[in-house]
C-alpha atoms as a PDB file:
ATOM      1  CA  MET A   1       0.124  -0.147  -0.014  1.00  0.00           C
ATOM      2  CA  ILE A   2       1.133   3.206  -0.626  1.00  0.00           C
ATOM      3  CA  GLU A   3       1.798   6.120   1.632  1.00  0.00           C
ATOM      4  CA  PHE A   4       2.522   9.528   1.819  1.00  0.00           C
ATOM      5  CA  LYS A   5       4.527  12.020   3.671  1.00  0.00           C
ATOM      6  CA  LYS A   6       6.426  15.394   3.254  1.00  0.00           C
ATOM      7  CA  PRO A   7      10.076  15.744   1.827  1.00  0.00           C
ATOM      8  CA  SER A   8      12.994  16.607   4.165  1.00  0.00           C
ATOM      9  CA  LEU A   9      16.588  17.168   3.588  1.00  0.00           C
ATOM     10  CA  GLU A  10      17.079  13.212   4.902  1.00  0.00           C
ATOM     11  CA  ASP A  11      15.129  12.035   1.721  1.00  0.00           C
ATOM     12  CA  LEU A  12      17.166  14.361  -0.392  1.00  0.00           C
ATOM     13  CA  GLU A  13      19.852  11.474  -1.526  1.00  0.00           C
ATOM     14  CA  GLN A  14      17.391   9.375  -2.370  1.00  0.00           C
ATOM     15  CA  LEU A  15      15.308  11.645  -4.308  1.00  0.00           C
ATOM     16  CA  VAL A  16      18.129  12.508  -6.715  1.00  0.00           C
ATOM     17  CA  ASN A  17      19.227   9.264  -7.108  1.00  0.00           C
ATOM     18  CA  ILE A  18      15.759   8.484  -8.554  1.00  0.00           C
ATOM     19  CA  LEU A  19      15.482  11.668 -10.609  1.00  0.00           C
ATOM     20  CA  MET A  20      18.873  10.330 -12.205  1.00  0.00           C
ATOM     21  CA  ILE A  21      17.583   7.406 -13.413  1.00  0.00           C
ATOM     22  CA  GLN A  22      14.999   9.381 -15.897  1.00  0.00           C
ATOM     23  CA  TYR A  23      17.808  11.734 -16.489  1.00  0.00           C
ATOM     24  CA  MET A  24      19.883   9.345 -18.007  1.00  0.00           C
ATOM     25  CA  GLU A  25      17.252   7.434 -19.839  1.00  0.00           C
ATOM     26  CA  GLU A  26      16.889  10.903 -21.578  1.00  0.00           C
ATOM     27  CA  THR A  27      20.364  11.167 -22.606  1.00  0.00           C
ATOM     28  CA  ILE A  28      19.649   8.232 -24.329  1.00  0.00           C
ATOM     29  CA  HIS A  29      17.496   9.905 -26.780  1.00  0.00           C
ATOM     30  CA  VAL A  30      19.372  13.336 -26.628  1.00  0.00           C
ATOM     31  CA  SER A  31      23.394  12.003 -26.523  1.00  0.00           C
ATOM     32  CA  TYR A  32      24.290  15.415 -26.156  1.00  0.00           C
ATOM     33  CA  LEU A  33      22.449  16.707 -22.673  1.00  0.00           C
ATOM     34  CA  PRO A  34      25.032  17.537 -20.140  1.00  0.00           C
ATOM     35  CA  LYS A  35      26.725  14.632 -18.440  1.00  0.00           C
ATOM     36  CA  PRO A  36      24.898  13.100 -15.325  1.00  0.00           C
ATOM     37  CA  GLU A  37      27.571  13.320 -12.951  1.00  0.00           C
ATOM     38  CA  GLU A  38      27.738  17.225 -14.084  1.00  0.00           C
ATOM     39  CA  MET A  39      24.198  17.968 -13.793  1.00  0.00           C
ATOM     40  CA  LYS A  40      23.986  15.689 -10.224  1.00  0.00           C
ATOM     41  CA  PRO A  41      25.340  18.942  -8.267  1.00  0.00           C
ATOM     42  CA  LEU A  42      22.338  21.147  -9.925  1.00  0.00           C
ATOM     43  CA  PHE A  43      19.627  18.572  -9.419  1.00  0.00           C
ATOM     44  CA  THR A  44      20.805  18.235  -5.701  1.00  0.00           C
ATOM     45  CA  LYS A  45      20.799  21.656  -5.032  1.00  0.00           C
ATOM     46  CA  SER A  46      17.518  22.561  -6.705  1.00  0.00           C
ATOM     47  CA  ILE A  47      15.794  19.954  -5.384  1.00  0.00           C
ATOM     48  CA  SER A  48      17.127  20.771  -1.873  1.00  0.00           C
ATOM     49  CA  LYS A  49      15.207  24.411  -2.684  1.00  0.00           C
ATOM     50  CA  LEU A  50      12.161  22.690  -3.399  1.00  0.00           C
ATOM     51  CA  ILE A  51      11.946  20.902  -0.053  1.00  0.00           C
ATOM     52  CA  ASP A  52      12.574  23.830   1.494  1.00  0.00           C
ATOM     53  CA  LYS A  53       9.722  26.198  -0.302  1.00  0.00           C
ATOM     54  CA  GLY A  54       8.002  23.762  -2.639  1.00  0.00           C
ATOM     55  CA  ASN A  55       4.366  22.277  -1.951  1.00  0.00           C
ATOM     56  CA  GLY A  56       4.506  18.332  -2.402  1.00  0.00           C
ATOM     57  CA  LEU A  57       4.989  14.539  -1.206  1.00  0.00           C
ATOM     58  CA  ILE A  58       6.961  11.617  -1.505  1.00  0.00           C
ATOM     59  CA  ALA A  59       5.326   8.483  -2.327  1.00  0.00           C
ATOM     60  CA  LEU A  60       6.324   5.278  -0.228  1.00  0.00           C
ATOM     61  CA  GLU A  61       5.855   1.322  -0.019  1.00  0.00           C
ATOM     62  CA  ASP A  62       7.380  -0.436   3.291  1.00  0.00           C
ATOM     63  CA  GLY A  63       9.373   2.406   3.662  1.00  0.00           C
ATOM     64  CA  LEU A  64      10.992   2.357   0.435  1.00  0.00           C
ATOM     65  CA  ILE A  65      10.655   5.974  -1.589  1.00  0.00           C
ATOM     66  CA  LEU A  66       8.902   5.231  -4.753  1.00  0.00           C
ATOM     67  CA  GLY A  67       9.055   8.753  -6.084  1.00  0.00           C
ATOM     68  CA  TYR A  68       7.917  12.190  -5.404  1.00  0.00           C
ATOM     69  CA  MET A  69       6.223  15.241  -6.774  1.00  0.00           C
ATOM     70  CA  ILE A  70       6.996  18.800  -5.307  1.00  0.00           C
ATOM     71  CA  GLY A  71       5.585  22.212  -7.096  1.00  0.00           C
ATOM     72  CA  LEU A  72       6.074  25.685  -6.720  1.00  0.00           C
ATOM     73  CA  LYS A  73       3.071  28.334  -6.055  1.00  0.00           C
ATOM     74  CA  THR A  74       3.082  30.898  -8.877  1.00  0.00           C
ATOM     75  CA  GLY A  75       1.077  33.648  -8.876  1.00  0.00           C
ATOM     76  CA  PRO A  76      -1.862  34.171 -11.235  1.00  0.00           C
ATOM     77  CA  LEU A  77      -1.154  30.995 -13.877  1.00  0.00           C
ATOM     78  CA  PHE A  78      -3.483  30.871 -17.068  1.00  0.00           C
ATOM     79  CA  GLY A  79      -6.152  32.622 -15.783  1.00  0.00           C
ATOM     80  CA  ASN A  80      -7.008  34.760 -12.275  1.00  0.00           C
ATOM     81  CA  HIS A  81      -6.399  32.561  -9.813  1.00  0.00           C
ATOM     82  CA  ASN A  82      -2.692  30.939  -8.544  1.00  0.00           C
ATOM     83  CA  GLY A  83      -1.242  28.093 -10.165  1.00  0.00           C
ATOM     84  CA  ILE A  84       1.681  25.437  -8.982  1.00  0.00           C
ATOM     85  CA  VAL A  85       4.533  24.460 -11.510  1.00  0.00           C
ATOM     86  CA  VAL A  86       6.480  21.210 -11.066  1.00  0.00           C
ATOM     87  CA  PRO A  87       9.771  21.774 -12.708  1.00  0.00           C
ATOM     88  CA  MET A  88      12.027  18.913 -14.213  1.00  0.00           C
ATOM     89  CA  HIS A  89      13.715  18.029 -11.265  1.00  0.00           C
ATOM     90  CA  GLY A  90      10.406  18.373  -9.237  1.00  0.00           C
ATOM     91  CA  HIS A  91       9.298  14.827  -9.436  1.00  0.00           C
ATOM     92  CA  ALA A  92      10.568  11.272 -10.204  1.00  0.00           C
ATOM     93  CA  CYS A  93       9.706   7.285  -9.808  1.00  0.00           C
ATOM     94  CA  ILE A  94      11.211   4.228  -9.591  1.00  0.00           C
ATOM     95  CA  PRO A  95      10.851   3.064 -13.403  1.00  0.00           C
ATOM     96  CA  ASN A  96       8.918   0.028 -12.748  1.00  0.00           C
ATOM     97  CA  LYS A  97       5.934   1.554 -11.387  1.00  0.00           C
ATOM     98  CA  GLN A  98       5.398   4.857 -12.938  1.00  0.00           C
ATOM     99  CA  HIS A  99       1.791   4.905 -13.699  1.00  0.00           C
ATOM    100  CA  GLU A 100       0.988   3.805 -10.370  1.00  0.00           C
ATOM    101  CA  VAL A 101       3.262   5.969  -8.269  1.00  0.00           C
ATOM    102  CA  TYR A 102       2.222   9.422 -10.614  1.00  0.00           C
ATOM    103  CA  SER A 103      -1.556   8.451 -10.398  1.00  0.00           C
ATOM    104  CA  SER A 104      -1.377   8.225  -6.567  1.00  0.00           C
ATOM    105  CA  LEU A 105       1.143  11.400  -6.233  1.00  0.00           C
ATOM    106  CA  TYR A 106      -0.945  13.361  -8.565  1.00  0.00           C
ATOM    107  CA  ALA A 107      -4.493  12.875  -6.623  1.00  0.00           C
ATOM    108  CA  LYS A 108      -3.046  13.580  -3.437  1.00  0.00           C
ATOM    109  CA  ASN A 109      -1.383  16.673  -4.294  1.00  0.00           C
ATOM    110  CA  ALA A 110      -3.827  17.907  -6.500  1.00  0.00           C
ATOM    111  CA  ASP A 111      -6.386  17.443  -3.618  1.00  0.00           C
ATOM    112  CA  GLN A 112      -4.561  19.987  -1.448  1.00  0.00           C
ATOM    113  CA  TRP A 113      -3.459  22.119  -4.516  1.00  0.00           C
ATOM    114  CA  VAL A 114      -6.871  23.111  -5.021  1.00  0.00           C
ATOM    115  CA  LYS A 115      -8.373  23.443  -1.533  1.00  0.00           C
ATOM    116  CA  LEU A 116      -5.129  25.936  -1.696  1.00  0.00           C
ATOM    117  CA  GLY A 117      -6.865  27.785  -4.875  1.00  0.00           C
ATOM    118  CA  LEU A 118      -3.983  26.730  -6.912  1.00  0.00           C
ATOM    119  CA  LEU A 119      -5.962  26.061 -10.425  1.00  0.00           C
ATOM    120  CA  SER A 120      -3.445  25.814 -12.918  1.00  0.00           C
ATOM    121  CA  HIS A 121      -1.186  22.935 -12.702  1.00  0.00           C
ATOM    122  CA  ALA A 122       2.032  22.869 -14.875  1.00  0.00           C
ATOM    123  CA  ILE A 123       4.456  19.693 -15.008  1.00  0.00           C
ATOM    124  CA  VAL A 124       7.874  19.651 -16.906  1.00  0.00           C
ATOM    125  CA  LEU A 125       9.009  16.018 -17.482  1.00  0.00           C
ATOM    126  CA  PHE A 126      11.661  14.779 -20.361  1.00  0.00           C
ATOM    127  CA  ALA A 127      10.633  14.571 -23.574  1.00  0.00           C
ATOM    128  CA  HIS A 128      10.951  11.040 -24.467  1.00  0.00           C
ATOM    129  CA  ASN A 129       9.260   9.225 -21.354  1.00  0.00           C
ATOM    130  CA  GLU A 130       5.930   8.122 -23.212  1.00  0.00           C
ATOM    131  CA  ILE A 131       4.911   6.594 -20.159  1.00  0.00           C
ATOM    132  CA  GLN A 132       4.729   9.672 -18.221  1.00  0.00           C
ATOM    133  CA  LYS A 133       3.589  11.649 -21.583  1.00  0.00           C
ATOM    134  CA  ASP A 134       0.304   8.668 -21.483  1.00  0.00           C
ATOM    135  CA  PHE A 135      -0.405   9.720 -17.975  1.00  0.00           C
ATOM    136  CA  TRP A 136      -0.612  13.424 -18.132  1.00  0.00           C
ATOM    137  CA  PHE A 137      -2.748  13.516 -21.250  1.00  0.00           C
ATOM    138  CA  GLU A 138      -5.026  10.728 -19.674  1.00  0.00           C
ATOM    139  CA  ASN A 139      -5.492  13.173 -16.547  1.00  0.00           C
ATOM    140  CA  GLY A 140      -6.330  16.185 -18.751  1.00  0.00           C
ATOM    141  CA  PHE A 141      -2.794  17.692 -19.534  1.00  0.00           C
ATOM    142  CA  GLY A 142      -1.907  19.610 -22.560  1.00  0.00           C
ATOM    143  CA  LYS A 143       1.288  20.426 -24.017  1.00  0.00           C
ATOM    144  CA  ARG A 144       2.623  24.050 -23.825  1.00  0.00           C
ATOM    145  CA  CYS A 145       6.111  24.465 -23.986  1.00  0.00           C
ATOM    146  CA  VAL A 146       9.376  22.603 -25.053  1.00  0.00           C
ATOM    147  CA  ASP A 147      12.730  23.143 -23.892  1.00  0.00           C
ATOM    148  CA  ALA A 148      15.563  22.039 -26.698  1.00  0.00           C
ATOM    149  CA  LEU A 149      19.154  21.654 -27.216  1.00  0.00           C
ATOM    150  CA  SER A 150      21.659  21.318 -30.176  1.00  0.00           C
ATOM    151  CA  LEU A 151      25.082  21.353 -30.352  1.00  0.00           C
ATOM    152  CA  VAL A 152      27.066  24.326 -31.587  1.00  0.00           C
ATOM    153  CA  LYS A 153      27.761  24.063 -35.409  1.00  0.00           C
ATOM    154  CA  SER A 154      28.883  26.255 -38.116  1.00  0.00           C
ATOM    155  CA  GLU A 155      25.742  26.729 -40.745  1.00  0.00           C
ATOM    156  CA  ASN A 156      25.821  28.438 -43.912  1.00  0.00           C
ATOM    157  CA  HIS A 157      22.815  29.996 -45.375  1.00  0.00           C
ATOM    158  CA  GLY A 158      24.807  31.596 -48.294  1.00  0.00           C
ATOM    159  CA  PHE A 159      24.607  35.637 -48.917  1.00  0.00           C
ATOM    160  CA  PRO A 160      21.261  37.239 -47.966  1.00  0.00           C
ATOM    161  CA  LYS A 161      20.228  40.254 -48.929  1.00  0.00           C
ATOM    162  CA  PHE A 162      19.938  41.937 -45.692  1.00  0.00           C
ATOM    163  CA  THR A 163      22.795  42.564 -43.146  1.00  0.00           C
ATOM    164  CA  ILE A 164      23.184  41.062 -39.921  1.00  0.00           C
ATOM    165  CA  LYS A 165      24.737  42.900 -36.600  1.00  0.00           C
ATOM    166  CA  LYS A 166      25.828  42.021 -33.246  1.00  0.00           C
ATOM    167  CA  ALA A 167      24.120  44.615 -31.334  1.00  0.00           C
ATOM    168  CA  ASP A 168      25.564  47.480 -28.950  1.00  0.00           C
ATOM    169  CA  VAL A 169      23.094  49.190 -26.638  1.00  0.00           C
ATOM    170  CA  SER A 170      23.518  52.535 -29.235  1.00  0.00           C
ATOM    171  CA  ASP A 171      21.223  50.076 -31.538  1.00  0.00           C
ATOM    172  CA  LEU A 172      18.297  49.327 -28.995  1.00  0.00           C
ATOM    173  CA  PRO A 173      16.106  52.127 -29.908  1.00  0.00           C
ATOM    174  CA  ASN A 174      16.130  50.613 -33.535  1.00  0.00           C
ATOM    175  CA  ILE A 175      15.243  47.377 -32.375  1.00  0.00           C
ATOM    176  CA  ALA A 176      12.674  48.791 -29.681  1.00  0.00           C
ATOM    177  CA  GLU A 177       9.820  48.468 -32.140  1.00  0.00           C
ATOM    178  CA  LEU A 178      10.087  45.049 -33.469  1.00  0.00           C
ATOM    179  CA  HIS A 179      10.779  43.762 -29.855  1.00  0.00           C
ATOM    180  CA  ARG A 180       7.189  45.176 -29.109  1.00  0.00           C
ATOM    181  CA  GLU A 181       5.384  43.721 -32.092  1.00  0.00           C
ATOM    182  CA  HIS A 182       7.649  40.383 -30.650  1.00  0.00           C
ATOM    183  CA  THR A 183       5.626  40.718 -27.432  1.00  0.00           C
ATOM    184  CA  LEU A 184       2.198  41.641 -28.585  1.00  0.00           C
ATOM    185  CA  TYR A 185       2.414  38.707 -31.362  1.00  0.00           C
ATOM    186  CA  TYR A 186       1.572  36.276 -28.805  1.00  0.00           C
ATOM    187  CA  ARG A 187      -1.776  37.576 -28.273  1.00  0.00           C
ATOM    188  CA  ASN A 188      -2.979  36.405 -31.611  1.00  0.00           C
ATOM    189  CA  SER A 189      -4.413  32.948 -32.819  1.00  0.00           C
ATOM    190  CA  PRO A 190      -4.019  30.082 -31.842  1.00  0.00           C
ATOM    191  CA  ILE A 191      -1.227  31.282 -29.016  1.00  0.00           C
ATOM    192  CA  PHE A 192      -3.318  33.772 -26.893  1.00  0.00           C
ATOM    193  CA  MET A 193      -1.034  34.803 -24.389  1.00  0.00           C
ATOM    194  CA  PRO A 194      -2.195  37.997 -22.675  1.00  0.00           C
ATOM    195  CA  ASN A 195       1.126  39.540 -23.071  1.00  0.00           C
ATOM    196  CA  LYS A 196       0.715  43.528 -21.785  1.00  0.00           C
ATOM    197  CA  GLU A 197       2.242  45.925 -24.016  1.00  0.00           C
ATOM    198  CA  GLU A 198       5.302  47.930 -22.067  1.00  0.00           C
ATOM    199  CA  ASP A 199       8.127  50.090 -22.537  1.00  0.00           C
ATOM    200  CA  SER A 200       9.885  48.019 -25.080  1.00  0.00           C
ATOM    201  CA  LEU A 201      12.775  50.092 -25.111  1.00  0.00           C
ATOM    202  CA  GLU A 202      13.308  49.920 -21.504  1.00  0.00           C
ATOM    203  CA  ASP A 203      12.737  46.616 -21.008  1.00  0.00           C
ATOM    204  CA  LEU A 204      15.252  45.889 -24.129  1.00  0.00           C
ATOM    205  CA  LYS A 205      17.856  48.017 -22.032  1.00  0.00           C
ATOM    206  CA  ASN A 206      17.219  46.337 -18.861  1.00  0.00           C
ATOM    207  CA  TRP A 207      17.945  42.681 -20.387  1.00  0.00           C
ATOM    208  CA  PHE A 208      20.770  44.146 -22.614  1.00  0.00           C
ATOM    209  CA  ASN A 209      22.869  45.581 -19.608  1.00  0.00           C
ATOM    210  CA  GLN A 210      22.799  42.044 -17.634  1.00  0.00           C
ATOM    211  CA  LYS A 211      26.209  40.029 -17.511  1.00  0.00           C
ATOM    212  CA  ASN A 212      26.941  38.215 -20.634  1.00  0.00           C
ATOM    213  CA  HIS A 213      23.439  38.636 -22.606  1.00  0.00           C
ATOM    214  CA  HIS A 214      24.145  39.583 -26.705  1.00  0.00           C
ATOM    215  CA  LEU A 215      21.762  40.271 -28.916  1.00  0.00           C
ATOM    216  CA  TRP A 216      21.616  39.834 -32.867  1.00  0.00           C
ATOM    217  CA  PHE A 217      19.337  42.037 -35.556  1.00  0.00           C
ATOM    218  CA  SER A 218      18.454  41.918 -39.501  1.00  0.00           C
ATOM    219  CA  VAL A 219      18.742  44.623 -41.229  1.00  0.00           C
ATOM    220  CA  ILE A 220      18.062  45.997 -44.664  1.00  0.00           C
ATOM    221  CA  ASN A 221      17.597  50.043 -45.793  1.00  0.00           C
ATOM    222  CA  ASN A 222      17.830  50.745 -42.032  1.00  0.00           C
ATOM    223  CA  GLU A 223      14.832  48.813 -41.522  1.00  0.00           C
ATOM    224  CA  VAL A 224      14.921  46.458 -38.657  1.00  0.00           C
ATOM    225  CA  LEU A 225      13.411  42.695 -39.709  1.00  0.00           C
ATOM    226  CA  GLY A 226      14.355  40.548 -37.263  1.00  0.00           C
ATOM    227  CA  TYR A 227      16.290  39.978 -33.905  1.00  0.00           C
ATOM    228  CA  MET A 228      17.845  37.098 -31.711  1.00  0.00           C
ATOM    229  CA  ARG A 229      19.269  36.958 -28.570  1.00  0.00           C
ATOM    230  CA  ILE A 230      21.410  34.844 -25.954  1.00  0.00           C
ATOM    231  CA  GLN A 231      22.051  34.518 -22.050  1.00  0.00           C
ATOM    232  CA  PRO A 232      23.515  32.525 -19.784  1.00  0.00           C
ATOM    233  CA  ARG A 233      20.520  31.101 -18.294  1.00  0.00           C
ATOM    234  CA  ALA A 234      16.739  30.148 -18.887  1.00  0.00           C
ATOM    235  CA  GLU A 235      14.198  28.451 -17.392  1.00  0.00           C
ATOM    236  CA  SER A 236      15.498  24.933 -17.654  1.00  0.00           C
ATOM    237  CA  ILE A 237      17.604  23.229 -15.169  1.00  0.00           C
ATOM    238  CA  VAL A 238      19.963  21.970 -17.848  1.00  0.00           C
ATOM    239  CA  SER A 239      20.246  26.121 -19.006  1.00  0.00           C
ATOM    240  CA  TYR A 240      22.430  26.429 -16.241  1.00  0.00           C
ATOM    241  CA  HIS A 241      25.045  24.421 -16.874  1.00  0.00           C
ATOM    242  CA  ASN A 242      27.968  25.972 -18.082  1.00  0.00           C
ATOM    243  CA  ASP A 243      28.460  24.740 -21.287  1.00  0.00           C
ATOM    244  CA  VAL A 244      25.072  25.623 -22.674  1.00  0.00           C
ATOM    245  CA  MET A 245      23.688  29.652 -23.604  1.00  0.00           C
ATOM    246  CA  ASN A 246      20.064  29.776 -24.121  1.00  0.00           C
ATOM    247  CA  ILE A 247      18.226  31.749 -27.020  1.00  0.00           C
ATOM    248  CA  THR A 248      15.533  33.792 -25.230  1.00  0.00           C
ATOM    249  CA  GLY A 249      14.273  35.430 -27.572  1.00  0.00           C
ATOM    250  CA  ALA A 250      13.575  35.578 -31.484  1.00  0.00           C
ATOM    251  CA  TYR A 251      11.544  37.572 -34.034  1.00  0.00           C
ATOM    252  CA  VAL A 252      11.455  38.372 -37.352  1.00  0.00           C
ATOM    253  CA  LYS A 253       8.366  40.522 -38.937  1.00  0.00           C
ATOM    254  CA  THR A 254       5.377  39.258 -40.452  1.00  0.00           C
ATOM    255  CA  THR A 255       6.106  41.023 -43.629  1.00  0.00           C
ATOM    256  CA  SER A 256       9.689  39.797 -43.770  1.00  0.00           C
ATOM    257  CA  ARG A 257       9.435  35.935 -43.402  1.00  0.00           C
ATOM    258  CA  HIS A 258      10.263  33.064 -46.061  1.00  0.00           C
ATOM    259  CA  GLN A 259      13.470  35.039 -46.268  1.00  0.00           C
ATOM    260  CA  ASN A 260      16.082  32.720 -44.277  1.00  0.00           C
ATOM    261  CA  ILE A 261      16.445  35.625 -41.678  1.00  0.00           C
ATOM    262  CA  GLY A 262      15.783  33.867 -38.911  1.00  0.00           C
ATOM    263  CA  SER A 263      18.028  30.993 -40.211  1.00  0.00           C
ATOM    264  CA  CYS A 264      20.655  33.445 -40.776  1.00  0.00           C
ATOM    265  CA  LEU A 265      20.405  35.359 -37.324  1.00  0.00           C
ATOM    266  CA  LEU A 266      20.884  31.527 -35.784  1.00  0.00           C
ATOM    267  CA  GLU A 267      24.078  31.129 -37.713  1.00  0.00           C
ATOM    268  CA  GLU A 268      25.378  34.295 -36.885  1.00  0.00           C
ATOM    269  CA  VAL A 269      24.709  32.513 -32.837  1.00  0.00           C
ATOM    270  CA  MET A 270      26.174  29.685 -33.724  1.00  0.00           C
ATOM    271  CA  ASN A 271      28.980  31.299 -34.842  1.00  0.00           C
ATOM    272  CA  TRP A 272      29.644  33.356 -31.777  1.00  0.00           C
ATOM    273  CA  LEU A 273      29.227  30.416 -29.907  1.00  0.00           C
ATOM    274  CA  LYS A 274      31.730  28.264 -31.561  1.00  0.00           C
ATOM    275  CA  SER A 275      34.336  31.197 -31.599  1.00  0.00           C
ATOM    276  CA  ASN A 276      33.311  31.476 -27.333  1.00  0.00           C
ATOM    277  CA  ASP A 277      34.382  27.582 -27.169  1.00  0.00           C
ATOM    278  CA  ILE A 278      30.503  27.440 -26.265  1.00  0.00           C
ATOM    279  CA  PRO A 279      29.541  23.736 -27.057  1.00  0.00           C
ATOM    280  CA  LEU A 280      25.871  23.577 -26.383  1.00  0.00           C
ATOM    281  CA  CYS A 281      22.896  26.294 -27.353  1.00  0.00           C
ATOM    282  CA  GLY A 282      19.169  26.101 -25.780  1.00  0.00           C
ATOM    283  CA  VAL A 283      16.173  27.498 -26.326  1.00  0.00           C
ATOM    284  CA  ASP A 284      12.549  27.120 -25.148  1.00  0.00           C
ATOM    285  CA  TYR A 285       9.633  27.557 -27.069  1.00  0.00           C
ATOM    286  CA  GLU A 286       5.508  27.572 -26.684  1.00  0.00           C
ATOM    287  CA  SER A 287       4.301  24.307 -28.975  1.00  0.00           C
ATOM    288  CA  ILE A 288       1.001  26.445 -29.425  1.00  0.00           C
ATOM    289  CA  ASN A 289       3.119  28.717 -31.362  1.00  0.00           C
ATOM    290  CA  PRO A 290       3.272  26.942 -34.322  1.00  0.00           C
ATOM    291  CA  ILE A 291       5.110  28.856 -36.512  1.00  0.00           C
ATOM    292  CA  GLY A 292       8.007  29.615 -34.038  1.00  0.00           C
ATOM    293  CA  ALA A 293       7.869  25.793 -33.208  1.00  0.00           C
ATOM    294  CA  GLY A 294       8.316  24.696 -36.563  1.00  0.00           C
ATOM    295  CA  PHE A 295      11.405  26.823 -36.646  1.00  0.00           C
ATOM    296  CA  TRP A 296      13.356  25.543 -33.788  1.00  0.00           C
ATOM    297  CA  GLU A 297      12.239  21.644 -34.576  1.00  0.00           C
ATOM    298  CA  LYS A 298      14.477  21.716 -37.595  1.00  0.00           C
ATOM    299  CA  HIS A 299      17.572  22.966 -35.873  1.00  0.00           C
ATOM    300  CA  PHE A 300      17.203  22.002 -32.056  1.00  0.00           C
ATOM    301  CA  THR A 301      15.978  18.351 -30.540  1.00  0.00           C
ATOM    302  CA  PRO A 302      13.202  18.798 -27.143  1.00  0.00           C
ATOM    303  CA  TYR A 303      14.881  17.078 -24.320  1.00  0.00           C
ATOM    304  CA  ALA A 304      11.823  18.595 -21.967  1.00  0.00           C
ATOM    305  CA  ILE A 305       8.304  19.251 -22.727  1.00  0.00           C
ATOM    306  CA  SER A 306       6.090  21.637 -20.241  1.00  0.00           C
ATOM    307  CA  LEU A 307       2.300  20.100 -19.773  1.00  0.00           C
ATOM    308  CA  THR A 308      -0.725  21.938 -18.494  1.00  0.00           C
ATOM    309  CA  ARG A 309      -3.822  21.860 -17.075  1.00  0.00           C
ATOM    310  CA  ARG A 310      -6.591  24.475 -15.720  1.00  0.00           C
ATOM    311  CA  ILE A 311      -8.990  23.077 -13.095  1.00  0.00           C
ATOM    312  CA  ASP A 312     -12.674  24.842 -13.415  1.00  0.00           C
ATOM    313  CA  GLU A 313     -12.930  27.470 -10.820  1.00  0.00           C
ATOM    314  CA  ARG A 314     -16.206  26.565 -10.035  1.00  0.00           C
ATOM    315  CA  ILE A 315     -15.253  23.697  -8.218  1.00  0.00           C
ATOM    316  CA  LEU A 316     -14.514  26.116  -5.121  1.00  0.00           C
ATOM    317  CA  GLU A 317     -18.132  27.338  -5.027  1.00  0.00           C
END
């Protein structure tokens, strides 16, 4: 019979070891993921923070830990009610009991989360774990985001008609309008993300002035057509590895697409990474954005996906 308890630091080593099994299985499909022994310290540190700050449970049988599921509370998420996000390192299970253990853990956790008014549930899982994907889809979750990785490699897309430049701070006013268009683009169908219009130039400056943040843009006749930016860390824990730099924004004007602008921007990014001895490039993107997803999946391999479910708020009445 499965029993449950709150996690503690005494459980940390066992939780990390269970997670490492699932991570090593994913490296079979994405061989250039950082080595397990290099990721283990990052997982250990992150799980210890979840134990301290998170909300979740450990599943046990006869005193043996079968798995765990711990999330972090958020503010309003996919609506006006608060939510909870279970990150990639926030859950794992021994291999031969995944469906049974996840079913019991989610039912037990979700009962408490909904009572706390946490109605949007998100979970990040390894992209090639078919058992877990089937389980979450059966429980009303749908795919929303993807974390993907690529080896840094040289590409050649010919000699485009436009120019690509690496931005300095003096270029930001010329890029700001495109950045604004990018932000508002996500409000459109079929994405429907209610991004708010903000001061685009100030937002760009705040981002650009942070350490090791870089941006490239394409221009023709003084018109900025597209941009792509990178930084050391993104949302995925894999992005924290020192071998990885991460694309955290890219956009091409809707009137300038199908001209290879995105591919040429990516080529410049890859060439810069290669010249700086950075072997891996990461990106996260919305699977609900078919144009963006179609581009990234040509160049990157998914290793994690984010699934979400929104509970009908009338359950609280």
